[in-house]
Amino acid sequence: MREGGERLPDTLELAVEAAKKEALARIRERYEGKDALDYHNTRHTEKVVRRASAILAAIYTADRSILDERRLRLGALAAAWHDVIQDCQINETADGAFTRRTRKCFTGANEVASAEEAIRYMREEGGGTFRPEDEEIIRQVILATVPAADFKEGTMVQANLTPKSDVLARAVALADLGCAGMDGSEEFVREGNAVFREDAIDIRDALRSSESISREQKDFFVKRMLAWSRVQEKFAAGRKALFEAELEGLPEEARRAVRALFSRFDESIAGAGAKTAEREAMTFEELVSDFGYLR
């Protein structure tokens, strides 16, 4: 103990903080260079860590029978490493007179690789702090974040998340897709812009090129940007519609605590709709600026 009774950080706390810093350093080195990823970068990871930590703290306060301090820290570690691998390929597909160039990441395989890299770090750099059962928890949590499309609701889900999933897996999965519910409309729109820019690399390349963009190609890009913007309202509404089902497996007091954190769905839905209405009147140049391409 320090003077005044302040509690010294224990070995696990130090090891988890070091692991979080290492995860962010690897993401920064890999995905924030020349061809940086607009969405899967340190900003996204830091947001997931923040949201997961808030969810876990709320659950811990509400019902300590399902969480202890050790697992709270492991949840933050898993959140930090959940996207440390983002291997992708570039796809080219004909679309009328033009060719779309889009990024396709290896969903599922990336999460497996991220989990294995996290576990390897824990074994090699953890100084014996981490237990074999900790490794299995980290694996389960990261695999619970594998995304899948829900076409009925027009949104994304995590198919590996079930009512029987560990509370840490539930918290990190909710945090990964939690922007609309927890952070509100401004951040939700910003995050959607980043996802689009990361995928639509032909627009990025055209803007970087010294060649002028034809009127026809501008119209082609505008059509896609507006189509993306129009689905964001439904995406947020879909996340709201599925939220209660994603709380299954938690005791009622813990559910109530998590619900209180996800209070901004309606704001995000309304904000996405308003942003689309605003964009309908924008020129190509205004749209690419509003999407964040020129920053």
Protein backbone atom coordinates (compact mmCIF):
# COMPACT_ATOMS: atom_id res chain seq x y z
CA MET A 1 0.00 0.00 0.00
CA ARG A 2 1.13 3.58 -0.69
CA GLU A 3 0.83 6.31 1.94
CA GLY A 4 -2.77 7.27 2.45
CA GLY A 5 -3.96 3.74 1.81
CA GLU A 6 -3.84 3.88 -2.01
CA ARG A 7 -3.73 0.39 -3.46
CA LEU A 8 -0.68 -0.51 -5.54
CA PRO A 9 -1.36 -2.02 -8.97
CA ASP A 10 -1.00 -5.76 -8.81
CA THR A 11 0.93 -7.93 -11.24
CA LEU A 12 -2.11 -8.78 -13.35
CA GLU A 13 -3.11 -5.14 -13.70
CA LEU A 14 0.38 -4.23 -14.90
CA ALA A 15 0.48 -7.18 -17.28
CA VAL A 16 -2.91 -6.29 -18.77
CA GLU A 17 -1.94 -2.63 -19.24
CA ALA A 18 1.27 -3.72 -20.99
CA ALA A 19 -0.73 -6.09 -23.20
CA LYS A 20 -3.19 -3.35 -24.17
CA LYS A 21 -0.34 -1.00 -25.11
CA GLU A 22 1.30 -3.73 -27.17
CA ALA A 23 -1.92 -4.47 -29.06
CA LEU A 24 -2.37 -0.80 -29.93
CA ALA A 25 1.28 -0.53 -31.00
CA ARG A 26 0.89 -3.48 -33.37
CA ILE A 27 -2.32 -2.10 -34.87
CA ARG A 28 -0.69 1.32 -35.31
CA GLU A 29 2.36 -0.18 -37.03
CA ARG A 30 0.34 -2.44 -39.32
CA TYR A 31 -2.70 -0.37 -40.23
CA GLU A 32 -1.88 3.31 -39.83
CA GLY A 33 0.88 3.71 -42.40
CA LYS A 34 0.78 4.56 -46.10
CA ASP A 35 -2.31 2.49 -46.91
CA ALA A 36 -3.97 2.97 -43.54
CA LEU A 37 -7.24 1.31 -42.66
CA ASP A 38 -9.89 3.95 -42.04
CA TYR A 39 -11.94 1.89 -39.59
CA HIS A 40 -9.92 -1.03 -38.22
CA ASN A 41 -7.30 1.11 -36.51
CA THR A 42 -6.35 2.20 -33.02
CA ARG A 43 -9.32 4.58 -32.77
CA HIS A 44 -11.78 1.71 -33.22
CA THR A 45 -9.90 -0.52 -30.79
CA GLU A 46 -9.68 2.19 -28.12
CA LYS A 47 -13.43 2.78 -28.45
CA VAL A 48 -14.17 -0.93 -28.07
CA VAL A 49 -11.93 -1.12 -25.00
CA ARG A 50 -13.71 1.90 -23.51
CA ARG A 51 -17.20 0.57 -24.21
CA ALA A 52 -16.37 -2.96 -23.06
CA SER A 53 -14.85 -1.64 -19.83
CA ALA A 54 -17.99 0.41 -19.16
CA ILE A 55 -20.26 -2.58 -19.82
CA LEU A 56 -18.20 -4.88 -17.62
CA ALA A 57 -18.02 -2.30 -14.82
CA ALA A 58 -21.81 -1.93 -14.92
CA ILE A 59 -22.31 -5.69 -14.75
CA TYR A 60 -19.75 -6.03 -11.95
CA THR A 61 -21.50 -3.36 -9.90
CA ALA A 62 -24.93 -4.90 -10.51
CA ASP A 63 -24.07 -8.54 -9.88
CA ARG A 64 -20.67 -9.59 -8.56
CA SER A 65 -21.65 -13.25 -8.62
CA ILE A 66 -20.82 -13.42 -12.36
CA LEU A 67 -17.66 -11.28 -12.47
CA ASP A 68 -14.55 -10.66 -10.42
CA GLU A 69 -11.72 -8.15 -10.82
CA ARG A 70 -9.48 -10.62 -12.65
CA ARG A 71 -12.08 -11.24 -15.35
CA LEU A 72 -12.78 -7.52 -15.63
CA ARG A 73 -9.16 -7.01 -16.63
CA LEU A 74 -9.14 -9.95 -18.99
CA GLY A 75 -12.16 -8.47 -20.77
CA ALA A 76 -10.22 -5.27 -21.45
CA LEU A 77 -7.26 -7.30 -22.72
CA ALA A 78 -9.46 -9.25 -25.14
CA ALA A 79 -11.06 -6.04 -26.40
CA ALA A 80 -7.62 -4.59 -27.11
CA TRP A 81 -6.52 -7.62 -29.16
CA HIS A 82 -9.79 -8.47 -30.94
CA ASP A 83 -8.79 -6.82 -34.25
CA VAL A 84 -5.01 -6.96 -34.10
CA ILE A 85 -5.00 -8.95 -37.38
CA GLN A 86 -6.86 -7.46 -40.37
CA ASP A 87 -5.73 -9.38 -43.44
CA CYS A 88 -7.72 -8.41 -46.54
CA GLN A 89 -7.79 -8.73 -50.30
CA ILE A 90 -8.79 -6.29 -53.01
CA ASN A 91 -11.74 -7.36 -55.17
CA GLU A 92 -12.56 -5.92 -58.57
CA THR A 93 -16.10 -6.28 -59.91
CA ALA A 94 -17.70 -4.83 -63.03
CA ASP A 95 -20.51 -2.35 -62.37
CA GLY A 96 -21.89 -0.96 -65.62
CA ALA A 97 -19.21 1.08 -67.36
CA PHE A 98 -17.00 1.06 -64.28
CA THR A 99 -15.08 -1.37 -62.08
CA ARG A 100 -15.50 -1.30 -58.34
CA ARG A 101 -12.36 -1.87 -56.29
CA THR A 102 -13.30 -2.84 -52.76
CA ARG A 103 -11.53 -4.27 -49.76
CA LYS A 104 -12.68 -7.64 -48.43
CA CYS A 105 -11.26 -8.67 -45.08
CA PHE A 106 -11.00 -12.32 -44.09
CA THR A 107 -13.83 -12.40 -41.57
CA GLY A 108 -13.50 -15.27 -39.13
CA ALA A 109 -9.90 -16.09 -40.03
CA ASN A 110 -8.79 -12.66 -38.78
CA GLU A 111 -10.45 -13.19 -35.41
CA VAL A 112 -8.86 -16.63 -35.06
CA ALA A 113 -5.46 -15.15 -35.89
CA SER A 114 -6.01 -12.23 -33.50
CA ALA A 115 -6.88 -14.62 -30.68
CA GLU A 116 -3.83 -16.79 -31.34
CA GLU A 117 -1.55 -13.76 -31.43
CA ALA A 118 -2.99 -12.51 -28.13
CA ILE A 119 -2.44 -15.90 -26.51
CA ARG A 120 1.09 -16.12 -27.88
CA TYR A 121 1.85 -12.72 -26.38
CA MET A 122 0.38 -13.78 -23.03
CA ARG A 123 2.59 -16.87 -22.96
CA GLU A 124 5.79 -15.18 -24.12
CA GLU A 125 5.53 -11.74 -22.52
CA GLY A 126 3.16 -12.24 -19.59
CA GLY A 127 5.88 -13.26 -17.15
CA GLY A 128 3.82 -16.20 -15.92
CA THR A 129 0.96 -13.91 -14.89
CA PHE A 130 -1.63 -15.50 -17.16
CA ARG A 131 -3.18 -18.91 -16.56
CA PRO A 132 -4.20 -21.54 -19.14
CA GLU A 133 -7.86 -20.80 -18.39
CA ASP A 134 -7.19 -17.11 -19.14
CA GLU A 135 -6.04 -18.07 -22.61
CA GLU A 136 -9.25 -19.96 -23.28
CA ILE A 137 -11.32 -17.01 -22.12
CA ILE A 138 -9.44 -14.66 -24.47
CA ARG A 139 -10.01 -17.05 -27.36
CA GLN A 140 -13.76 -17.32 -26.67
CA VAL A 141 -14.16 -13.57 -26.30
CA ILE A 142 -12.37 -12.64 -29.52
CA LEU A 143 -14.18 -15.32 -31.54
CA ALA A 144 -17.49 -13.93 -30.28
CA THR A 145 -16.76 -10.73 -32.26
CA VAL A 146 -16.84 -12.42 -35.69
CA PRO A 147 -19.37 -10.28 -37.62
CA ALA A 148 -22.17 -11.53 -39.84
CA ALA A 149 -24.93 -9.81 -41.77
CA ASP A 150 -28.53 -9.92 -40.58
CA PHE A 151 -30.43 -9.23 -43.79
CA LYS A 152 -33.83 -9.24 -42.08
CA GLU A 153 -32.90 -6.38 -39.76
CA GLY A 154 -30.46 -4.74 -42.17
CA THR A 155 -27.63 -4.71 -39.67
CA MET A 156 -24.67 -6.70 -38.37
CA VAL A 157 -24.63 -9.35 -35.66
CA GLN A 158 -22.11 -11.75 -34.13
CA ALA A 159 -23.28 -15.24 -34.91
CA ASN A 160 -20.95 -16.86 -32.35
CA LEU A 161 -22.67 -14.98 -29.52
CA THR A 162 -25.30 -17.17 -27.87
CA PRO A 163 -27.27 -17.07 -24.59
CA LYS A 164 -24.64 -19.47 -23.20
CA SER A 165 -21.67 -17.21 -24.09
CA ASP A 166 -19.38 -16.08 -21.29
CA VAL A 167 -20.22 -12.67 -19.85
CA LEU A 168 -16.86 -11.34 -21.10
CA ALA A 169 -17.68 -12.45 -24.64
CA ARG A 170 -21.07 -10.77 -24.40
CA ALA A 171 -19.61 -7.51 -23.15
CA VAL A 172 -16.89 -7.25 -25.81
CA ALA A 173 -19.25 -8.29 -28.60
CA LEU A 174 -21.79 -5.66 -27.51
CA ALA A 175 -19.00 -3.09 -27.33
CA ASP A 176 -17.71 -3.95 -30.80
CA LEU A 177 -21.08 -3.10 -32.39
CA GLY A 178 -22.11 -0.68 -29.66
CA CYS A 179 -21.58 2.71 -31.27
CA ALA A 180 -25.21 3.44 -32.17
CA GLY A 181 -26.48 2.57 -28.70
CA MET A 182 -23.68 3.98 -26.55
CA ASP A 183 -22.04 6.85 -28.44
CA GLY A 184 -24.87 8.59 -30.30
CA SER A 185 -25.46 10.02 -33.75
CA GLU A 186 -22.33 12.07 -34.40
CA GLU A 187 -19.98 9.20 -33.62
CA PHE A 188 -22.25 6.69 -35.36
CA VAL A 189 -22.17 8.69 -38.60
CA ARG A 190 -18.41 9.17 -38.31
CA GLU A 191 -17.89 5.45 -37.76
CA GLY A 192 -20.09 4.59 -40.74
CA ASN A 193 -18.06 6.96 -42.91
CA ALA A 194 -14.86 5.19 -41.85
CA VAL A 195 -16.28 1.75 -42.67
CA PHE A 196 -17.29 2.98 -46.14
CA ARG A 197 -13.91 4.59 -46.85
CA GLU A 198 -12.08 1.45 -45.78
CA ASP A 199 -14.13 -0.63 -48.20
CA ALA A 200 -14.51 1.71 -51.21
CA ILE A 201 -10.84 2.12 -52.09
CA ASP A 202 -11.54 2.99 -55.74
CA ILE A 203 -12.98 6.33 -54.58
CA ARG A 204 -9.89 6.96 -52.45
CA ASP A 205 -7.58 6.07 -55.34
CA ALA A 206 -9.48 8.29 -57.78
CA LEU A 207 -9.19 11.25 -55.41
CA ARG A 208 -5.45 10.66 -54.98
CA SER A 209 -4.81 10.30 -58.71
CA SER A 210 -3.48 13.19 -60.78
CA GLU A 211 -6.06 12.36 -63.45
CA SER A 212 -9.35 14.23 -63.42
CA ILE A 213 -12.53 12.37 -62.46
CA SER A 214 -15.17 12.34 -65.19
CA ARG A 215 -18.73 13.51 -64.61
CA GLU A 216 -19.92 9.95 -65.17
CA GLN A 217 -17.51 8.53 -62.62
CA LYS A 218 -18.49 11.18 -60.09
CA ASP A 219 -22.12 10.17 -60.56
CA PHE A 220 -21.12 6.52 -60.06
CA PHE A 221 -19.38 7.38 -56.78
CA VAL A 222 -22.22 9.64 -55.59
CA LYS A 223 -24.74 6.85 -56.16
CA ARG A 224 -22.74 4.50 -53.95
CA MET A 225 -22.13 7.03 -51.18
CA LEU A 226 -25.81 7.91 -51.00
CA ALA A 227 -26.83 4.25 -51.05
CA TRP A 228 -24.50 3.61 -48.10
CA SER A 229 -25.82 6.62 -46.21
CA ARG A 230 -29.43 5.51 -46.71
CA VAL A 231 -28.85 2.12 -45.07
CA GLN A 232 -27.25 3.56 -41.92
CA GLU A 233 -30.59 4.47 -40.35
CA LYS A 234 -31.79 0.88 -40.80
CA PHE A 235 -28.48 -0.42 -39.47
CA ALA A 236 -28.94 1.50 -36.21
CA ALA A 237 -32.61 0.48 -35.98
CA GLY A 238 -31.57 -3.13 -36.47
CA ARG A 239 -29.06 -2.92 -33.66
CA LYS A 240 -31.81 -1.55 -31.41
CA ALA A 241 -34.24 -4.32 -32.44
CA LEU A 242 -31.73 -7.07 -31.61
CA PHE A 243 -30.37 -5.57 -28.42
CA GLU A 244 -32.66 -7.31 -25.94
CA ALA A 245 -31.97 -10.72 -27.45
CA GLU A 246 -28.24 -10.05 -27.12
CA LEU A 247 -28.65 -9.57 -23.37
CA GLU A 248 -29.92 -13.13 -22.96
CA GLY A 249 -27.84 -15.08 -20.50
CA LEU A 250 -27.33 -12.15 -18.13
CA PRO A 251 -29.18 -11.92 -14.80
CA GLU A 252 -31.89 -9.25 -14.74
CA GLU A 253 -29.95 -6.79 -12.57
CA ALA A 254 -27.01 -6.98 -14.97
CA ARG A 255 -29.32 -6.52 -17.96
CA ARG A 256 -30.80 -3.43 -16.38
CA ALA A 257 -27.33 -1.98 -15.84
CA VAL A 258 -26.28 -2.61 -19.45
CA ARG A 259 -29.56 -1.19 -20.82
CA ALA A 260 -28.77 2.08 -19.08
CA LEU A 261 -25.57 2.36 -21.13
CA PHE A 262 -27.36 1.75 -24.44
CA SER A 263 -29.65 4.76 -24.29
CA ARG A 264 -28.77 6.47 -27.58
CA PHE A 265 -30.24 4.22 -30.26
CA ASP A 266 -33.05 6.65 -31.12
CA GLU A 267 -30.59 9.53 -31.37
CA SER A 268 -28.40 7.53 -33.77
CA ILE A 269 -31.38 6.45 -35.89
CA ALA A 270 -32.62 10.03 -36.19
CA GLY A 271 -29.12 11.39 -36.80
CA ALA A 272 -28.44 8.91 -39.59
CA GLY A 273 -31.71 9.84 -41.27
CA ALA A 274 -30.99 13.55 -40.99
CA LYS A 275 -27.49 13.09 -42.39
CA THR A 276 -28.87 11.24 -45.42
CA ALA A 277 -31.41 13.99 -46.09
CA GLU A 278 -28.59 16.54 -45.93
CA ARG A 279 -26.42 14.53 -48.30
CA GLU A 280 -29.11 14.15 -50.96
CA ALA A 281 -28.48 17.76 -52.00
CA MET A 282 -24.66 17.59 -51.92
CA THR A 283 -22.31 17.71 -54.88
CA PHE A 284 -19.66 15.04 -55.37
CA GLU A 285 -17.02 17.32 -53.88
CA GLU A 286 -19.18 18.06 -50.86
CA LEU A 287 -19.98 14.37 -50.36
CA VAL A 288 -16.39 13.14 -50.40
CA SER A 289 -15.51 15.86 -47.90
CA ASP A 290 -18.48 14.94 -45.70
CA PHE A 291 -17.46 11.27 -45.81
CA GLY A 292 -13.99 12.23 -44.61
CA TYR A 293 -12.01 11.38 -47.73
CA LEU A 294 -10.25 14.76 -47.91
CA ARG A 295 -9.13 15.02 -44.28
